[in-house]
Amino acid sequence: MELDTNKIDDAVLALLYLGLHDGVRAWKGFDWEAMNRLHE
């Protein structure tokens, strides 16, 4: 089964937004590959 990285990245972005608190994000629990893709 092939993973859809675009959907994973969208979900990570949504979770990052939901984790926003006073301008600071909690990012340590997310997959590093997804975070690297989003950073690019």
C-alpha atoms as a PDB file:
ATOM      1  CA  MET A   1       0.000   0.000   0.000  1.00  0.00           C
ATOM      2  CA  GLU A   2       1.410   3.357  -1.012  1.00  0.00           C
ATOM      3  CA  LEU A   3       1.074   6.315   1.346  1.00  0.00           C
ATOM      4  CA  ASP A   4      -0.319   9.629   0.129  1.00  0.00           C
ATOM      5  CA  THR A   5       2.257  12.066   1.517  1.00  0.00           C
ATOM      6  CA  ASN A   6       0.154  15.076   0.497  1.00  0.00           C
ATOM      7  CA  LYS A   7      -2.664  13.977   2.785  1.00  0.00           C
ATOM      8  CA  ILE A   8      -0.191  13.266   5.588  1.00  0.00           C
ATOM      9  CA  ASP A   9       1.324  16.727   5.173  1.00  0.00           C
ATOM     10  CA  ASP A  10      -2.140  18.324   5.234  1.00  0.00           C
ATOM     11  CA  ALA A  11      -2.967  16.480   8.454  1.00  0.00           C
ATOM     12  CA  VAL A  12       0.321  17.534  10.062  1.00  0.00           C
ATOM     13  CA  LEU A  13      -0.324  21.158   9.079  1.00  0.00           C
ATOM     14  CA  ALA A  14      -3.801  20.986  10.604  1.00  0.00           C
ATOM     15  CA  LEU A  15      -2.416  19.513  13.826  1.00  0.00           C
ATOM     16  CA  LEU A  16       0.307  22.157  13.974  1.00  0.00           C
ATOM     17  CA  TYR A  17      -2.366  24.834  13.649  1.00  0.00           C
ATOM     18  CA  LEU A  18      -4.493  23.239  16.366  1.00  0.00           C
ATOM     19  CA  GLY A  19      -1.437  23.034  18.630  1.00  0.00           C
ATOM     20  CA  LEU A  20      -0.740  26.756  18.280  1.00  0.00           C
ATOM     21  CA  HIS A  21      -0.689  28.475  21.665  1.00  0.00           C
ATOM     22  CA  ASP A  22       0.455  32.092  22.107  1.00  0.00           C
ATOM     23  CA  GLY A  23       2.431  31.928  18.862  1.00  0.00           C
ATOM     24  CA  VAL A  24       4.417  28.855  19.921  1.00  0.00           C
ATOM     25  CA  ARG A  25       3.990  25.450  18.318  1.00  0.00           C
ATOM     26  CA  ALA A  26       4.485  22.015  19.829  1.00  0.00           C
ATOM     27  CA  TRP A  27       6.169  20.123  16.990  1.00  0.00           C
ATOM     28  CA  LYS A  28       8.227  17.414  18.676  1.00  0.00           C
ATOM     29  CA  GLY A  29       5.599  14.691  18.360  1.00  0.00           C
ATOM     30  CA  PHE A  30       5.323  14.829  14.572  1.00  0.00           C
ATOM     31  CA  ASP A  31       7.031  12.652  11.995  1.00  0.00           C
ATOM     32  CA  TRP A  32      10.372  14.169  10.959  1.00  0.00           C
ATOM     33  CA  GLU A  33       9.952  13.193   7.313  1.00  0.00           C
ATOM     34  CA  ALA A  34       6.655  15.059   7.135  1.00  0.00           C
ATOM     35  CA  MET A  35       8.162  18.067   8.914  1.00  0.00           C
ATOM     36  CA  ASN A  36      11.088  18.115   6.460  1.00  0.00           C
ATOM     37  CA  ARG A  37       8.713  17.998   3.490  1.00  0.00           C
ATOM     38  CA  LEU A  38       6.723  20.898   4.921  1.00  0.00           C
ATOM     39  CA  HIS A  39       9.891  22.859   5.572  1.00  0.00           C
ATOM     40  CA  GLU A  40      10.938  22.526   1.932  1.00  0.00           C
END
